[in-house]
Amino acid sequence: MPDYAELTLPYLLNRHDPLVNGARDFVLPDYNGYGLSSIPATVSALLGGPQLQTAGLAPQIVERLGQCYRNIVLILVDALGYDHLQHLMAQGYAEFWRENLPLASLFPLTSISPSTTATALTTLWTGTEPATHGYIGYEMWLKEYSMTINSILHCPTSFIGDNGSLMRAGFIPEQFLGLPTIGEQLSAASITSHAFLPYTIANSGLSRMHLQGTHFHGFVAESDLWADLHDLLNLHCGNPRFLYVYWPTLDTLIHRYGPDDMRIATHFAEFSRTLAENFLSGLEQSACESTLLLLTADHGAVATPPDEKYNLNTHPELLHMLRILPTCESRLPFLFLKPGTEAAVRVYFAQAWPGEFTLITGREALSAQLFGQRPENPALNDRIGDLVALPHNNAYLWWPNHINMMQGRHGGLSRLEMLIPLYALPLGGLRH
């Protein structure tokens, strides 16, 4: 069974930084061949495209993917961790993936940091590390706009029901990153890119930021997603193609019910069944022979049952020492301190949540290369704050002014959040 965990997992689990990972329960992000950030460069290379800024996947991974393809289909299932996929296969909820594993290659990789969708997808669609693109976290302090923004909805975090309102402050999604997208870079090499997204987000600010140079396909459900992808792949095209599918529902269910709930398993089983029956069934042999199917994720997830001790509204003394509310993620909070309060904040954490957080400075986070290597975005220092809180086990912080109902979270450095799968299946080997 070609599960190649032994090629990458020992390396990933034994990378330690004394400052960040003294307790050795964190998995550090890899930006040099064993992580999400290396997928875009390898996709480009396999399609005969340009060399990208980030390193490609390690040679021992690439040599098992094949030489070159006319089509690469990359399915990104939001929040599908590597260990979670292994569990689903073992329990009979991922039959398509389990049955075809003898024809495939499966590797554990790392997510980026913070292990969250907006940052991961920006890495995927620019071919750059978080330190370079600077799009850090679900909530992000933008000094140039004097506000903390929701990086997915593109509105101030304190606003409700006003998605996209940053444009009224002069925020232009297509220009904000200042980097070429993968679609643009592939297009310059005569490679066509297609992105299949839920129709509700197909024209969102984040999608417009990422998908310049890429053809949008909005879908309603699995039925039209797989039918449209099936028809497109069967359609002869003179150019190589990158076909991207983003599936967000698993993440939504995990936030609501927790990663171990049966609803998550049954959902993934249905997703996988419809993929096999409605997409792969009936594909022309000529299309399959030149196509590589990749399954991966932006991050994993960890169970975080609501607990009032993590609600910052019950910790007014700590809030008084902060200039603004924390940003980034509840599983990786960035803390912006009032002058002269760092020692007191450290004492407060030690007393309120003994052993549950490791606190490092923003500069130490950069030195540990949590967000990547050089070049560094000039705005990064302003966005990551004075202290970064690294939660252990299931700890988190909650600061929104509404009831905490989230049973599952991500953003941190635990194994369950950081390890993601790369499942590679050349479709030419499937029976038709």
Protein backbone atom coordinates (compact mmCIF):
# COMPACT_ATOMS: atom_id res chain seq x y z
CA MET A 1 0.00 0.00 0.00
CA PRO A 2 1.81 3.19 -1.16
CA ASP A 3 1.21 5.33 1.90
CA TYR A 4 4.58 7.03 2.00
CA ALA A 5 4.35 8.44 5.51
CA GLU A 6 7.80 7.08 6.29
CA LEU A 7 9.30 9.41 3.68
CA THR A 8 8.06 12.63 5.25
CA LEU A 9 6.49 12.07 8.68
CA PRO A 10 9.64 11.40 10.77
CA TYR A 11 11.21 14.56 9.37
CA LEU A 12 8.11 16.67 10.02
CA LEU A 13 7.65 15.43 13.59
CA ASN A 14 11.28 15.93 14.56
CA ARG A 15 11.72 19.53 13.48
CA HIS A 16 12.01 21.55 16.67
CA ASP A 17 12.74 25.12 17.63
CA PRO A 18 13.78 25.49 21.29
CA LEU A 19 11.81 28.71 21.67
CA VAL A 20 8.63 27.73 19.86
CA ASN A 21 8.52 24.03 20.54
CA GLY A 22 10.12 23.48 23.91
CA ALA A 23 7.29 21.14 24.90
CA ARG A 24 7.71 19.29 21.58
CA ASP A 25 3.96 19.05 21.01
CA PHE A 26 3.95 21.44 18.05
CA VAL A 27 4.47 20.56 14.39
CA LEU A 28 6.35 23.39 12.71
CA PRO A 29 5.35 24.43 9.19
CA ASP A 30 7.74 23.40 6.45
CA TYR A 31 8.43 25.76 3.56
CA ASN A 32 11.15 23.79 1.81
CA GLY A 33 9.58 20.81 0.05
CA TYR A 34 7.37 19.16 2.65
CA GLY A 35 4.45 21.55 2.98
CA LEU A 36 1.46 23.14 1.30
CA SER A 37 3.61 26.03 0.09
CA SER A 38 5.52 23.65 -2.20
CA ILE A 39 2.45 22.35 -4.06
CA PRO A 40 2.05 25.28 -6.52
CA ALA A 41 5.62 25.05 -7.82
CA THR A 42 5.27 21.31 -8.37
CA VAL A 43 1.92 21.69 -10.14
CA SER A 44 3.50 24.25 -12.45
CA ALA A 45 6.49 22.02 -13.16
CA LEU A 46 4.33 18.95 -13.90
CA LEU A 47 2.33 21.00 -16.41
CA GLY A 48 5.46 22.39 -18.06
CA GLY A 49 4.96 25.82 -16.51
CA PRO A 50 7.30 28.45 -15.08
CA GLN A 51 9.44 28.14 -11.98
CA LEU A 52 7.69 29.79 -9.05
CA GLN A 53 9.14 31.64 -6.06
CA THR A 54 8.61 28.86 -3.52
CA ALA A 55 10.45 25.54 -3.47
CA GLY A 56 8.76 22.59 -5.15
CA LEU A 57 7.98 19.37 -3.33
CA ALA A 58 10.94 17.25 -2.21
CA PRO A 59 12.47 14.91 -4.84
CA GLN A 60 11.30 11.74 -3.05
CA ILE A 61 7.73 13.02 -3.38
CA VAL A 62 7.95 14.33 -6.95
CA GLU A 63 9.48 11.14 -8.31
CA ARG A 64 6.34 9.27 -7.26
CA LEU A 65 3.97 11.69 -8.97
CA GLY A 66 5.05 10.99 -12.56
CA GLN A 67 6.82 13.07 -15.17
CA CYS A 68 4.32 15.42 -16.76
CA TYR A 69 0.58 15.77 -17.35
CA ARG A 70 -1.82 17.63 -19.60
CA ASN A 71 -4.32 18.09 -16.76
CA ILE A 72 -3.92 18.37 -13.00
CA VAL A 73 -7.10 18.32 -10.92
CA LEU A 74 -6.43 19.66 -7.42
CA ILE A 75 -9.28 19.08 -4.96
CA LEU A 76 -8.84 21.05 -1.74
CA VAL A 77 -11.16 19.89 1.04
CA ASP A 78 -11.16 22.56 3.71
CA ALA A 79 -10.04 21.19 7.13
CA LEU A 80 -9.30 17.61 5.99
CA GLY A 81 -6.28 16.79 8.14
CA TYR A 82 -3.93 13.93 7.32
CA ASP A 83 -4.76 11.96 10.47
CA HIS A 84 -8.45 12.62 9.88
CA LEU A 85 -8.28 11.18 6.35
CA GLN A 86 -6.44 8.12 7.65
CA HIS A 87 -9.16 7.62 10.26
CA LEU A 88 -11.93 8.02 7.69
CA MET A 89 -10.31 5.44 5.42
CA ALA A 90 -9.85 3.00 8.30
CA GLN A 91 -13.48 3.40 9.42
CA GLY A 92 -14.99 2.92 5.95
CA TYR A 93 -15.96 6.55 5.26
CA ALA A 94 -13.47 7.14 2.45
CA GLU A 95 -13.88 4.02 0.34
CA PHE A 96 -12.86 5.55 -2.99
CA TRP A 97 -9.60 6.83 -1.53
CA ARG A 98 -8.88 3.60 0.35
CA GLU A 99 -9.65 1.32 -2.60
CA ASN A 100 -7.44 3.27 -4.98
CA LEU A 101 -4.52 3.71 -2.61
CA PRO A 102 -2.55 0.89 -4.33
CA LEU A 103 -2.58 3.05 -7.48
CA ALA A 104 -1.91 6.29 -5.65
CA SER A 105 0.70 7.96 -3.45
CA LEU A 106 -0.20 9.44 -0.07
CA PHE A 107 2.10 11.77 1.83
CA PRO A 108 1.67 13.84 4.99
CA LEU A 109 2.69 17.47 4.49
CA THR A 110 2.40 20.50 6.74
CA SER A 111 0.04 23.40 6.43
CA ILE A 112 1.38 26.93 6.75
CA SER A 113 1.17 29.14 9.83
CA PRO A 114 -1.33 30.31 10.80
CA SER A 115 -3.10 27.13 9.70
CA THR A 116 -6.16 28.91 8.37
CA THR A 117 -7.97 29.16 5.06
CA ALA A 118 -7.34 32.76 3.99
CA THR A 119 -3.60 32.46 4.56
CA ALA A 120 -3.29 28.96 3.07
CA LEU A 121 -5.25 29.77 -0.08
CA THR A 122 -3.25 32.95 -0.59
CA THR A 123 -0.09 30.85 -0.46
CA LEU A 124 -1.60 28.36 -2.89
CA TRP A 125 -2.76 31.00 -5.36
CA THR A 126 0.34 33.21 -5.32
CA GLY A 127 3.02 30.54 -4.91
CA THR A 128 4.50 32.53 -2.03
CA GLU A 129 4.87 31.98 1.71
CA PRO A 130 2.79 33.87 4.31
CA ALA A 131 5.85 35.93 5.25
CA THR A 132 5.96 37.17 1.66
CA HIS A 133 2.30 37.73 0.81
CA GLY A 134 1.55 39.03 4.32
CA TYR A 135 -2.07 37.83 4.38
CA ILE A 136 -1.95 36.58 7.95
CA GLY A 137 -4.95 35.09 9.74
CA TYR A 138 -8.74 35.17 9.69
CA GLU A 139 -8.64 38.54 11.46
CA MET A 140 -5.83 40.89 10.48
CA TRP A 141 -4.75 44.32 11.69
CA LEU A 142 -4.16 46.63 8.73
CA LYS A 143 -2.29 49.71 9.89
CA GLU A 144 -2.81 51.38 6.51
CA TYR A 145 -6.59 51.27 7.04
CA SER A 146 -6.54 51.73 10.85
CA MET A 147 -8.75 48.70 11.37
CA THR A 148 -8.85 44.97 12.00
CA ILE A 149 -10.41 43.22 9.04
CA ASN A 150 -12.05 39.89 8.37
CA SER A 151 -9.72 38.51 5.72
CA ILE A 152 -12.39 36.33 4.10
CA LEU A 153 -15.42 38.63 4.20
CA HIS A 154 -13.38 41.81 3.53
CA CYS A 155 -15.09 43.93 6.14
CA PRO A 156 -14.12 45.30 9.57
CA THR A 157 -14.37 42.54 12.17
CA SER A 158 -16.82 44.59 14.23
CA PHE A 159 -19.27 44.90 11.32
CA ILE A 160 -22.10 42.41 10.80
CA GLY A 161 -23.71 41.75 7.43
CA ASP A 162 -21.54 44.19 5.49
CA ASN A 163 -19.36 41.85 3.45
CA GLY A 164 -17.04 43.57 1.00
CA SER A 165 -17.39 46.94 2.72
CA LEU A 166 -13.60 47.46 2.77
CA MET A 167 -13.93 48.67 -0.80
CA ARG A 168 -15.54 51.82 0.59
CA ALA A 169 -12.21 52.51 2.33
CA GLY A 170 -10.32 52.13 -0.94
CA PHE A 171 -9.46 48.44 -0.55
CA ILE A 172 -9.16 46.85 -4.01
CA PRO A 173 -8.90 43.04 -3.75
CA GLU A 174 -7.17 42.61 -7.10
CA GLN A 175 -4.41 45.05 -6.11
CA PHE A 176 -3.94 44.45 -2.38
CA LEU A 177 -1.36 41.64 -2.49
CA GLY A 178 0.79 43.21 -5.19
CA LEU A 179 1.78 39.75 -6.43
CA PRO A 180 1.01 37.83 -9.63
CA THR A 181 -1.44 34.98 -9.16
CA ILE A 182 -0.82 31.39 -10.20
CA GLY A 183 -3.46 31.80 -12.89
CA GLU A 184 -1.60 34.74 -14.37
CA GLN A 185 1.77 32.99 -14.22
CA LEU A 186 0.43 29.80 -15.80
CA SER A 187 -1.47 31.74 -18.45
CA ALA A 188 1.78 33.40 -19.54
CA ALA A 189 3.07 29.88 -20.26
CA SER A 190 -0.11 28.94 -22.22
CA ILE A 191 -1.51 26.85 -19.36
CA THR A 192 -5.22 27.37 -18.69
CA SER A 193 -6.51 27.55 -15.10
CA HIS A 194 -10.06 26.80 -13.95
CA ALA A 195 -11.42 27.18 -10.41
CA PHE A 196 -14.62 25.49 -9.20
CA LEU A 197 -16.04 27.29 -6.16
CA PRO A 198 -19.44 27.47 -4.42
CA TYR A 199 -21.43 30.04 -6.35
CA THR A 200 -21.91 32.06 -3.15
CA ILE A 201 -18.18 32.90 -3.03
CA ALA A 202 -17.25 32.71 -6.72
CA ASN A 203 -17.13 36.50 -6.98
CA SER A 204 -16.16 37.33 -3.40
CA GLY A 205 -13.32 39.71 -2.64
CA LEU A 206 -11.03 36.84 -1.63
CA SER A 207 -11.79 34.96 -4.84
CA ARG A 208 -11.14 38.07 -6.91
CA MET A 209 -7.86 38.52 -5.05
CA HIS A 210 -6.71 34.97 -5.82
CA LEU A 211 -8.20 34.06 -9.18
CA GLN A 212 -7.05 36.68 -11.63
CA GLY A 213 -6.14 34.89 -14.85
CA THR A 214 -8.35 31.94 -13.89
CA HIS A 215 -11.75 30.87 -15.26
CA PHE A 216 -14.46 30.81 -12.53
CA HIS A 217 -17.04 28.02 -12.30
CA GLY A 218 -19.62 28.50 -9.54
CA PHE A 219 -21.46 25.40 -8.32
CA VAL A 220 -24.47 24.79 -6.08
CA ALA A 221 -23.87 21.22 -4.91
CA GLU A 222 -21.87 18.07 -5.66
CA SER A 223 -24.16 17.24 -8.56
CA ASP A 224 -23.33 20.21 -10.76
CA LEU A 225 -19.73 20.42 -9.52
CA TRP A 226 -18.86 16.92 -10.65
CA ALA A 227 -20.91 17.10 -13.85
CA ASP A 228 -19.25 20.36 -14.89
CA LEU A 229 -15.77 19.11 -14.02
CA HIS A 230 -16.46 15.84 -15.87
CA ASP A 231 -17.57 17.69 -19.01
CA LEU A 232 -14.63 20.09 -18.92
CA LEU A 233 -12.06 17.34 -18.54
CA ASN A 234 -13.61 15.39 -21.43
CA LEU A 235 -13.45 18.50 -23.60
CA HIS A 236 -10.30 18.38 -25.70
CA CYS A 237 -8.03 21.36 -25.11
CA GLY A 238 -4.82 22.24 -26.89
CA ASN A 239 -3.25 23.72 -23.76
CA PRO A 240 -2.33 22.03 -20.47
CA ARG A 241 -4.90 22.75 -17.73
CA PHE A 242 -4.90 23.31 -13.99
CA LEU A 243 -8.34 22.46 -12.60
CA TYR A 244 -8.92 23.50 -8.98
CA VAL A 245 -11.86 22.49 -6.78
CA TYR A 246 -12.52 24.11 -3.40
CA TRP A 247 -14.91 22.24 -1.08
CA PRO A 248 -15.68 24.17 2.15
CA THR A 249 -18.46 22.12 3.77
CA LEU A 250 -16.29 19.81 5.87
CA ASP A 251 -14.76 22.85 7.61
CA THR A 252 -18.21 24.33 8.25
CA LEU A 253 -19.41 21.10 9.85
CA ILE A 254 -16.26 20.76 11.97
CA HIS A 255 -16.64 24.28 13.34
CA ARG A 256 -20.24 23.51 14.27
CA TYR A 257 -20.02 19.94 15.56
CA GLY A 258 -16.34 19.21 16.17
CA PRO A 259 -14.02 17.03 14.06
CA ASP A 260 -15.06 13.72 15.63
CA ASP A 261 -18.81 14.04 15.08
CA MET A 262 -20.45 11.37 12.91
CA ARG A 263 -21.89 14.06 10.65
CA ILE A 264 -18.39 14.85 9.40
CA ALA A 265 -17.65 11.22 8.53
CA THR A 266 -20.94 10.67 6.70
CA HIS A 267 -20.51 13.92 4.80
CA PHE A 268 -17.06 12.97 3.55
CA ALA A 269 -18.32 9.51 2.59
CA GLU A 270 -21.04 11.10 0.44
CA PHE A 271 -18.63 13.62 -1.05
CA SER A 272 -16.26 10.82 -2.05
CA ARG A 273 -19.05 8.61 -3.43
CA THR A 274 -20.41 11.36 -5.67
CA LEU A 275 -16.90 12.18 -6.89
CA ALA A 276 -16.43 8.59 -8.04
CA GLU A 277 -19.90 8.20 -9.55
CA ASN A 278 -20.52 11.63 -11.08
CA PHE A 279 -17.04 12.83 -12.02
CA LEU A 280 -14.76 9.88 -12.69
CA SER A 281 -17.37 7.52 -14.10
CA GLY A 282 -17.61 7.97 -17.85
CA LEU A 283 -14.44 9.98 -18.31
CA GLU A 284 -12.86 9.34 -21.67
CA GLN A 285 -9.74 7.21 -21.53
CA SER A 286 -7.73 9.87 -23.38
CA ALA A 287 -8.58 12.41 -20.67
CA CYS A 288 -7.65 10.01 -17.88
CA GLU A 289 -4.32 9.02 -19.41
CA SER A 290 -3.00 12.56 -19.15
CA THR A 291 -4.55 13.59 -15.82
CA LEU A 292 -3.25 13.61 -12.24
CA LEU A 293 -5.81 13.91 -9.44
CA LEU A 294 -4.55 15.53 -6.23
CA LEU A 295 -6.44 15.65 -2.94
CA THR A 296 -5.17 18.00 -0.24
CA ALA A 297 -6.33 20.46 2.41
CA ASP A 298 -5.54 23.91 3.68
CA HIS A 299 -5.27 22.72 7.31
CA GLY A 300 -6.69 20.19 9.74
CA ALA A 301 -8.73 20.80 12.88
CA VAL A 302 -8.84 20.15 16.61
CA ALA A 303 -11.79 19.74 18.99
CA THR A 304 -12.35 22.86 21.12
CA PRO A 305 -15.54 22.55 23.18
CA PRO A 306 -16.82 25.95 24.37
CA ASP A 307 -15.33 26.84 27.74
CA GLU A 308 -15.91 30.18 29.48
CA LYS A 309 -12.41 30.23 30.93
CA TYR A 310 -11.11 31.09 27.45
CA ASN A 311 -13.61 33.91 26.93
CA LEU A 312 -11.68 37.18 27.15
CA ASN A 313 -14.85 39.02 28.13
CA THR A 314 -14.39 37.33 31.51
CA HIS A 315 -10.78 38.58 31.72
CA PRO A 316 -11.11 42.40 31.86
CA GLU A 317 -7.68 42.78 33.49
CA LEU A 318 -6.01 41.22 30.45
CA LEU A 319 -8.13 43.22 28.00
CA HIS A 320 -7.07 46.40 29.78
CA MET A 321 -3.44 45.63 28.90
CA LEU A 322 -4.18 45.29 25.17
CA ARG A 323 -4.27 48.17 22.68
CA ILE A 324 -6.79 46.35 20.49
CA LEU A 325 -8.56 43.00 20.65
CA PRO A 326 -6.41 40.04 19.59
CA THR A 327 -6.21 39.23 15.90
CA CYS A 328 -5.36 36.27 13.65
CA GLU A 329 -7.01 33.10 15.04
CA SER A 330 -8.39 31.91 18.35
CA ARG A 331 -5.83 29.10 18.08
CA LEU A 332 -2.98 31.54 17.29
CA PRO A 333 -3.82 34.92 18.82
CA PHE A 334 -1.69 37.95 18.03
CA LEU A 335 -1.57 40.29 21.05
CA PHE A 336 -1.01 44.04 20.68
CA LEU A 337 0.18 45.29 24.07
CA LYS A 338 0.07 48.65 25.76
CA PRO A 339 3.60 49.91 26.50
CA GLY A 340 5.25 48.37 29.53
CA THR A 341 2.73 45.52 29.98
CA GLU A 342 4.56 42.52 28.53
CA ALA A 343 5.76 41.14 31.87
CA ALA A 344 2.30 41.54 33.41
CA VAL A 345 0.64 39.84 30.42
CA ARG A 346 3.00 36.89 30.74
CA VAL A 347 2.19 36.60 34.44
CA TYR A 348 -1.53 36.80 33.71
CA PHE A 349 -1.37 33.96 31.18
CA ALA A 350 0.65 31.82 33.59
CA GLN A 351 -1.92 32.31 36.34
CA ALA A 352 -5.14 32.19 34.29
CA TRP A 353 -4.15 29.34 31.98
CA PRO A 354 -1.14 27.58 33.55
CA GLY A 355 0.74 25.49 30.99
CA GLU A 356 -1.85 26.08 28.27
CA PHE A 357 -0.02 28.67 26.17
CA THR A 358 3.54 29.40 25.11
CA LEU A 359 4.08 33.13 24.55
CA ILE A 360 6.69 34.34 22.09
CA THR A 361 7.32 37.79 20.70
CA GLY A 362 6.37 38.70 17.17
CA ARG A 363 10.05 39.07 16.31
CA GLU A 364 10.75 35.60 17.72
CA ALA A 365 7.96 34.18 15.56
CA LEU A 366 9.62 35.70 12.50
CA SER A 367 13.05 34.42 13.55
CA ALA A 368 11.62 30.92 13.97
CA GLN A 369 10.25 31.23 10.40
CA LEU A 370 6.72 30.35 11.47
CA PHE A 371 5.41 32.31 8.51
CA GLY A 372 8.12 31.37 6.05
CA GLN A 373 11.55 32.38 4.92
CA ARG A 374 12.66 35.47 3.01
CA PRO A 375 11.65 37.75 1.35
CA GLU A 376 9.57 39.30 4.12
CA ASN A 377 6.55 41.52 3.51
CA PRO A 378 7.33 45.02 4.88
CA ALA A 379 3.89 45.16 6.56
CA LEU A 380 4.35 41.87 8.43
CA ASN A 381 5.77 43.37 11.64
CA ASP A 382 2.74 45.60 12.06
CA ARG A 383 0.30 42.74 11.48
CA ILE A 384 1.60 40.13 13.92
CA GLY A 385 1.63 42.18 17.11
CA ASP A 386 3.89 42.15 20.14
CA LEU A 387 3.20 38.64 21.42
CA VAL A 388 1.99 35.46 19.72
CA ALA A 389 0.12 32.98 21.93
CA LEU A 390 0.73 29.34 20.96
CA PRO A 391 -1.98 27.12 22.49
CA HIS A 392 -1.26 23.63 23.79
CA ASN A 393 -3.76 20.77 23.62
CA ASN A 394 -7.29 22.20 23.12
CA ALA A 395 -6.74 25.72 24.49
CA TYR A 396 -7.83 28.83 22.61
CA LEU A 397 -8.92 32.41 23.22
CA TRP A 398 -12.36 33.82 22.39
CA TRP A 399 -12.92 37.56 22.00
CA PRO A 400 -15.91 38.23 19.67
CA ASN A 401 -18.90 39.90 21.29
CA HIS A 402 -21.28 37.00 20.71
CA ILE A 403 -21.85 33.50 22.04
CA ASN A 404 -19.08 30.99 21.42
CA MET A 405 -20.62 27.92 19.80
CA MET A 406 -17.60 26.57 17.90
CA GLN A 407 -16.84 22.92 18.66
CA GLY A 408 -13.83 22.72 16.34
CA ARG A 409 -11.05 25.13 15.41
CA HIS A 410 -7.76 25.49 13.58
CA GLY A 411 -4.96 28.01 13.22
CA GLY A 412 -2.52 26.53 15.71
CA LEU A 413 0.51 24.24 15.56
CA SER A 414 -0.87 20.94 16.85
CA ARG A 415 -0.38 17.81 14.77
CA LEU A 416 -4.10 17.61 14.02
CA GLU A 417 -4.12 21.16 12.65
CA MET A 418 -0.79 21.13 10.87
CA LEU A 419 -0.60 17.79 9.06
CA ILE A 420 -2.46 17.70 5.75
CA PRO A 421 -2.66 14.97 3.11
CA LEU A 422 -1.29 14.97 -0.39
CA TYR A 423 -3.06 12.10 -2.13
CA ALA A 424 -1.90 11.76 -5.74
CA LEU A 425 -3.77 9.47 -8.15
CA PRO A 426 -2.90 9.24 -11.88
CA LEU A 427 -6.29 8.64 -13.48
CA GLY A 428 -4.82 6.54 -16.26
CA GLY A 429 -4.58 3.60 -13.86
CA LEU A 430 -8.29 3.51 -13.06
CA ARG A 431 -10.55 0.85 -14.59
CA HIS A 432 -13.11 2.25 -17.03
